Amino acid sequence: MPRLIVNPNASRVTPELVAAVERELADVETVLTRGRGHAAALAAEAEPGEPLYVLSGDGGFNEVVNGVPDGVPVAFLPGGGTSVLPRALGLPRDAVAAAHALAEVAAGRTISLGHVEASLEGEPVADRRFTFSAGIGLDAELVRAVDRLGRRAGGRRPGDVAFARELGRLLLAHRARFGPTLTVVGWGRAAFALVANCDPYSYAGRVPLHAAPEATFEGGLDLAAPVELTAARIPAAALALVRPRPGRPRWLLRVHDADELRIECDRPLPLQVDGEDLGDVTAATFHAERGALDVLVPRP
């Protein structure tokens, strides 16, 4: 029987939502996660060829792809506040509507994943797959700042308003100036690095953010890394995230469809994958795992 893994602490998940999703999917075995790492352990029990449904936020989705065996088709149902992965795959933002679309007519799709191996002063600290994004520097610092706010009632993470507020505080703390702090080996110096496995990189509410507009789930990894970001450039950089234009500004490093990216930091910098803080690193190697995961999406 297909299994439905549910993170009961995801921002949008309620017992009523779980029941509605179960009705749409019909015959599924529902299992609730009990804490960090449990979704990966549950995914590891999946049988090849048997569909696996996941109702969670992006952190739970990340756990699943780090545990699921090869040959298991996975369907990601949006239960988090942002739920970048299912939205980027073309599913409705509403979990019940997404479940209905998959139950009606689902199609198989094979996508690539990212994989990062990172170290701190030569000691390994991270070895993790990711589904849509990873970053070293500013965006990881933002993830950490929001995590410091703690969880709301029921263990839920703060939403978009908290992210916007903390971003403002970070810009003030840095005096809106970000100089080079790392090297993208073979490409040059940069202030921070955004590594994308798809487009969009993330969302601000309903608005997609296009850090790497050429990135696709079927390709390799893309990189966007500002060489230097100043107060004068921040408005243009923000506009480019919402309305990307062809070409590449001189202040921005871009890499498209890479199999590997190596980043070396001048000092320990935070690393995030799929919105999860993995701690400080001084070096990281990102690999594209092409054709690594079978997913279920609505048939066009």
Protein backbone atom coordinates (compact mmCIF):
# COMPACT_ATOMS: atom_id res chain seq x y z
CA MET A 1 0.00 0.00 0.00
CA PRO A 2 1.32 3.52 -0.78
CA ARG A 3 2.49 5.44 2.26
CA LEU A 4 1.72 9.06 3.19
CA ILE A 5 4.41 10.64 5.37
CA VAL A 6 3.08 13.67 7.26
CA ASN A 7 4.99 16.28 9.22
CA PRO A 8 2.33 17.39 11.75
CA ASN A 9 4.39 20.47 12.66
CA ALA A 10 4.55 21.89 9.14
CA SER A 11 3.02 25.36 8.95
CA ARG A 12 -0.17 24.46 7.07
CA VAL A 13 -0.73 20.93 8.34
CA THR A 14 -3.75 20.28 10.56
CA PRO A 15 -5.65 17.06 11.35
CA GLU A 16 -8.45 18.30 9.08
CA LEU A 17 -6.02 18.83 6.20
CA VAL A 18 -4.52 15.37 6.65
CA ALA A 19 -7.99 13.80 6.57
CA ALA A 20 -8.88 15.72 3.40
CA VAL A 21 -5.66 14.62 1.68
CA GLU A 22 -6.31 11.02 2.72
CA ARG A 23 -9.76 11.16 1.13
CA GLU A 24 -8.27 12.36 -2.15
CA LEU A 25 -5.54 9.72 -2.21
CA ALA A 26 -7.89 6.93 -1.04
CA ASP A 27 -5.87 3.85 -0.04
CA VAL A 28 -2.75 5.10 1.76
CA GLU A 29 -1.03 4.27 5.03
CA THR A 30 -0.50 7.53 6.93
CA VAL A 31 2.51 7.88 9.22
CA LEU A 32 3.27 11.01 11.27
CA THR A 33 6.87 12.08 11.80
CA ARG A 34 8.01 12.40 15.41
CA GLY A 35 11.03 14.67 15.04
CA ARG A 36 14.12 15.59 13.07
CA GLY A 37 15.41 12.71 10.93
CA HIS A 38 12.26 10.60 11.20
CA ALA A 39 11.04 11.44 7.67
CA ALA A 40 14.34 10.17 6.24
CA ALA A 41 14.04 6.95 8.24
CA LEU A 42 10.45 6.41 7.08
CA ALA A 43 11.38 7.11 3.47
CA ALA A 44 14.17 4.53 3.68
CA GLU A 45 11.49 1.86 4.29
CA ALA A 46 9.73 2.57 0.96
CA GLU A 47 9.57 -0.22 -1.60
CA PRO A 48 10.78 0.45 -5.17
CA GLY A 49 7.85 1.01 -7.51
CA GLU A 50 5.43 1.87 -4.68
CA PRO A 51 4.38 5.55 -4.64
CA LEU A 52 5.43 7.58 -1.61
CA TYR A 53 3.44 10.71 -0.72
CA VAL A 54 4.88 13.40 1.53
CA LEU A 55 2.81 16.17 3.17
CA SER A 56 5.29 18.57 4.72
CA GLY A 57 7.32 21.70 4.25
CA ASP A 58 10.62 21.87 2.42
CA GLY A 59 12.62 20.62 5.41
CA GLY A 60 10.63 17.38 5.47
CA PHE A 61 10.96 17.02 1.70
CA ASN A 62 14.72 17.35 2.07
CA GLU A 63 14.80 14.61 4.66
CA VAL A 64 12.84 12.30 2.37
CA VAL A 65 15.21 12.69 -0.60
CA ASN A 66 18.09 11.94 1.75
CA GLY A 67 16.51 8.65 2.80
CA VAL A 68 14.43 7.31 -0.08
CA PRO A 69 15.82 4.33 -2.05
CA ASP A 70 16.26 4.45 -5.82
CA GLY A 71 13.20 3.56 -7.88
CA VAL A 72 10.58 4.97 -5.50
CA PRO A 73 8.30 7.57 -7.13
CA VAL A 74 7.74 10.43 -4.69
CA ALA A 75 4.89 12.96 -4.64
CA PHE A 76 5.43 16.16 -2.66
CA LEU A 77 2.29 17.79 -1.22
CA PRO A 78 2.66 21.39 0.04
CA GLY A 79 2.23 21.58 3.80
CA GLY A 80 4.75 24.29 4.66
CA GLY A 81 4.53 28.03 4.61
CA THR A 82 6.50 28.30 1.36
CA SER A 83 6.76 24.73 -0.01
CA VAL A 84 9.11 25.69 -2.84
CA LEU A 85 9.64 22.17 -4.19
CA PRO A 86 6.06 21.14 -5.07
CA ARG A 87 5.28 24.60 -6.45
CA ALA A 88 8.40 24.53 -8.63
CA LEU A 89 7.28 21.09 -9.87
CA GLY A 90 3.97 22.59 -10.99
CA LEU A 91 1.65 21.39 -8.23
CA PRO A 92 -1.08 23.62 -6.78
CA ARG A 93 -0.16 25.49 -3.61
CA ASP A 94 -3.16 23.91 -1.84
CA ALA A 95 -2.37 20.40 -0.57
CA VAL A 96 -5.87 19.02 -1.17
CA ALA A 97 -5.91 20.34 -4.73
CA ALA A 98 -2.45 18.86 -5.27
CA ALA A 99 -3.56 15.48 -3.92
CA HIS A 100 -6.65 15.59 -6.14
CA ALA A 101 -4.54 16.38 -9.23
CA LEU A 102 -2.21 13.47 -8.49
CA ALA A 103 -5.04 11.05 -7.72
CA GLU A 104 -6.82 11.95 -10.97
CA VAL A 105 -3.93 11.61 -13.43
CA ALA A 106 -0.32 11.52 -12.29
CA ALA A 107 2.69 11.47 -14.57
CA GLY A 108 6.20 10.32 -13.80
CA ARG A 109 9.12 12.71 -14.11
CA THR A 110 12.80 12.17 -13.41
CA ILE A 111 14.67 15.11 -11.90
CA SER A 112 18.19 15.89 -10.82
CA LEU A 113 19.20 16.66 -7.25
CA GLY A 114 22.02 18.68 -5.78
CA HIS A 115 24.50 17.19 -3.33
CA VAL A 116 26.84 19.15 -1.08
CA GLU A 117 29.87 17.94 0.85
CA ALA A 118 31.20 20.62 3.17
CA SER A 119 33.93 21.01 5.76
CA LEU A 120 34.94 23.41 8.51
CA GLU A 121 38.71 23.91 8.77
CA GLY A 122 39.24 20.53 7.11
CA GLU A 123 36.74 18.58 9.24
CA PRO A 124 33.65 17.21 7.40
CA VAL A 125 30.43 18.84 8.65
CA ALA A 126 27.83 18.21 5.94
CA ASP A 127 27.02 15.57 3.34
CA ARG A 128 23.53 16.26 2.06
CA ARG A 129 21.29 16.16 -0.97
CA PHE A 130 19.07 19.14 -1.78
CA THR A 131 16.10 19.59 -4.05
CA PHE A 132 15.88 23.24 -5.10
CA SER A 133 18.56 25.43 -3.53
CA ALA A 134 21.65 25.79 -1.40
CA GLY A 135 23.57 28.85 -0.34
CA ILE A 136 26.66 30.06 1.45
CA GLY A 137 26.62 33.47 3.09
CA LEU A 138 23.72 35.91 3.06
CA ASP A 139 20.74 33.63 2.41
CA ALA A 140 22.05 31.03 4.88
CA GLU A 141 22.60 33.82 7.39
CA LEU A 142 18.95 34.81 6.87
CA VAL A 143 17.76 31.24 7.45
CA ARG A 144 19.76 31.15 10.68
CA ALA A 145 18.37 34.48 11.85
CA VAL A 146 14.79 33.28 11.36
CA ASP A 147 15.55 29.98 13.11
CA ARG A 148 16.79 31.97 16.13
CA LEU A 149 13.27 33.38 16.50
CA GLY A 150 12.16 29.91 17.51
CA ARG A 151 9.02 28.04 16.55
CA ARG A 152 5.46 29.21 17.00
CA ALA A 153 2.75 27.21 18.78
CA GLY A 154 2.70 23.63 17.53
CA GLY A 155 6.34 23.84 16.41
CA ARG A 156 5.59 25.88 13.31
CA ARG A 157 8.26 28.06 11.72
CA PRO A 158 7.84 31.86 11.35
CA GLY A 159 6.50 32.97 7.96
CA ASP A 160 7.33 35.47 5.20
CA VAL A 161 6.88 38.55 7.41
CA ALA A 162 9.55 37.26 9.79
CA PHE A 163 11.91 36.58 6.87
CA ALA A 164 11.41 40.13 5.54
CA ARG A 165 11.99 41.65 8.96
CA GLU A 166 15.16 39.64 9.56
CA LEU A 167 16.47 40.46 6.08
CA GLY A 168 16.08 44.15 6.90
CA ARG A 169 18.02 43.64 10.13
CA LEU A 170 20.82 41.83 8.30
CA LEU A 171 21.12 44.60 5.75
CA LEU A 172 21.39 47.13 8.57
CA ALA A 173 23.93 45.00 10.42
CA HIS A 174 26.09 44.79 7.28
CA ARG A 175 25.44 48.47 6.48
CA ALA A 176 24.02 47.25 3.17
CA ARG A 177 27.50 46.33 1.92
CA PHE A 178 28.71 42.83 1.14
CA GLY A 179 32.29 42.51 -0.03
CA PRO A 180 34.03 39.37 -1.35
CA THR A 181 34.25 36.64 1.30
CA LEU A 182 34.63 33.49 -0.79
CA THR A 183 36.07 32.08 -4.00
CA VAL A 184 34.13 30.06 -6.55
CA VAL A 185 37.05 27.96 -7.79
CA GLY A 186 37.68 28.56 -11.49
CA TRP A 187 35.22 31.45 -11.65
CA GLY A 188 36.25 34.17 -9.25
CA ARG A 189 35.60 36.02 -6.01
CA ALA A 190 32.13 36.68 -4.61
CA ALA A 191 30.30 38.09 -1.59
CA PHE A 192 27.97 35.10 -1.21
CA ALA A 193 26.79 32.20 -3.34
CA LEU A 194 23.37 30.90 -4.37
CA VAL A 195 23.30 27.41 -5.89
CA ALA A 196 20.10 26.49 -7.73
CA ASN A 197 18.72 23.14 -8.90
CA CYS A 198 15.66 24.76 -10.50
CA ASP A 199 13.87 28.01 -11.15
CA PRO A 200 12.48 29.67 -9.11
CA TYR A 201 15.06 29.70 -6.34
CA SER A 202 12.38 30.46 -3.75
CA TYR A 203 9.19 32.46 -3.24
CA ALA A 204 8.20 35.57 -1.34
CA GLY A 205 4.54 34.86 -0.72
CA ARG A 206 3.10 34.25 -4.19
CA VAL A 207 6.02 35.94 -5.96
CA PRO A 208 8.69 33.64 -7.46
CA LEU A 209 12.32 34.68 -6.95
CA HIS A 210 14.55 33.98 -9.94
CA ALA A 211 18.13 33.88 -8.70
CA ALA A 212 19.07 31.50 -11.54
CA PRO A 213 16.37 31.77 -14.23
CA GLU A 214 17.99 29.21 -16.56
CA ALA A 215 18.13 26.43 -13.96
CA THR A 216 15.99 23.33 -14.59
CA PHE A 217 15.25 20.15 -12.67
CA GLU A 218 16.57 18.14 -15.62
CA GLY A 219 19.91 19.95 -15.86
CA GLY A 220 22.95 20.48 -13.69
CA LEU A 221 23.48 23.14 -11.05
CA ASP A 222 23.36 26.89 -11.62
CA LEU A 223 25.20 29.50 -9.59
CA ALA A 224 24.46 33.16 -8.91
CA ALA A 225 27.13 34.92 -6.83
CA PRO A 226 27.41 38.71 -6.51
CA VAL A 227 31.04 39.81 -6.67
CA GLU A 228 30.13 42.70 -4.38
CA LEU A 229 26.77 44.06 -3.26
CA THR A 230 26.38 47.67 -2.18
CA ALA A 231 23.43 49.79 -1.12
CA ALA A 232 23.32 51.30 -4.61
CA ARG A 233 23.03 47.89 -6.25
CA ILE A 234 20.50 46.32 -3.87
CA PRO A 235 17.40 47.77 -5.62
CA ALA A 236 18.57 46.48 -9.02
CA ALA A 237 19.44 43.09 -7.52
CA ALA A 238 16.02 42.83 -5.88
CA LEU A 239 14.27 43.77 -9.13
CA ALA A 240 16.29 41.15 -11.03
CA LEU A 241 15.02 38.47 -8.63
CA VAL A 242 11.44 39.34 -9.56
CA ARG A 243 11.91 40.33 -13.21
CA PRO A 244 15.05 38.67 -14.58
CA ARG A 245 16.55 40.03 -17.78
CA PRO A 246 18.85 38.36 -20.33
CA GLY A 247 22.55 38.91 -19.89
CA ARG A 248 24.80 39.10 -16.86
CA PRO A 249 25.77 42.24 -14.95
CA ARG A 250 29.49 42.68 -14.39
CA TRP A 251 29.00 42.50 -10.62
CA LEU A 252 27.47 39.01 -10.78
CA LEU A 253 29.09 35.59 -11.34
CA ARG A 254 26.78 33.18 -13.16
CA VAL A 255 27.37 29.50 -13.95
CA HIS A 256 24.85 27.36 -15.84
CA ASP A 257 24.34 23.57 -15.94
CA ALA A 258 27.42 22.64 -13.91
CA ASP A 259 28.26 19.14 -12.77
CA GLU A 260 30.41 20.44 -9.93
CA LEU A 261 31.02 23.71 -8.10
CA ARG A 262 33.74 24.23 -5.51
CA ILE A 263 33.59 27.11 -3.03
CA GLU A 264 36.32 28.12 -0.58
CA CYS A 265 35.54 30.68 2.14
CA ASP A 266 37.87 33.28 3.66
CA ARG A 267 36.34 32.58 7.07
CA PRO A 268 33.59 30.29 8.42
CA LEU A 269 30.29 31.13 6.71
CA PRO A 270 26.80 29.63 7.17
CA LEU A 271 25.53 27.00 4.73
CA GLN A 272 21.87 26.25 4.01
CA VAL A 273 20.18 23.63 1.85
CA ASP A 274 16.45 23.79 1.05
CA GLY A 275 16.02 26.35 3.82
CA GLU A 276 17.75 24.25 6.49
CA ASP A 277 20.81 25.57 8.36
CA LEU A 278 23.71 23.09 8.16
CA GLY A 279 26.15 25.15 10.23
CA ASP A 280 29.33 27.04 9.35
CA VAL A 281 31.70 25.88 6.64
CA THR A 282 35.01 26.95 5.15
CA ALA A 283 34.79 24.83 1.99
CA ALA A 284 32.01 23.12 0.06
CA THR A 285 31.73 21.07 -3.10
CA PHE A 286 28.37 20.91 -4.85
CA HIS A 287 27.60 18.05 -7.24
CA ALA A 288 24.72 17.59 -9.66
CA GLU A 289 23.12 14.15 -9.31
CA ARG A 290 21.50 13.99 -12.72
CA GLY A 291 18.37 11.85 -13.03
CA ALA A 292 18.52 10.98 -9.35
CA LEU A 293 14.86 11.04 -8.31
CA ASP A 294 11.54 9.86 -9.75
CA VAL A 295 8.68 12.20 -8.87
CA LEU A 296 4.94 12.25 -9.48
CA VAL A 297 3.42 15.41 -10.97
CA PRO A 298 0.05 16.25 -12.54
CA ARG A 299 -0.17 15.16 -16.16
CA PRO A 300 -0.16 18.20 -18.50
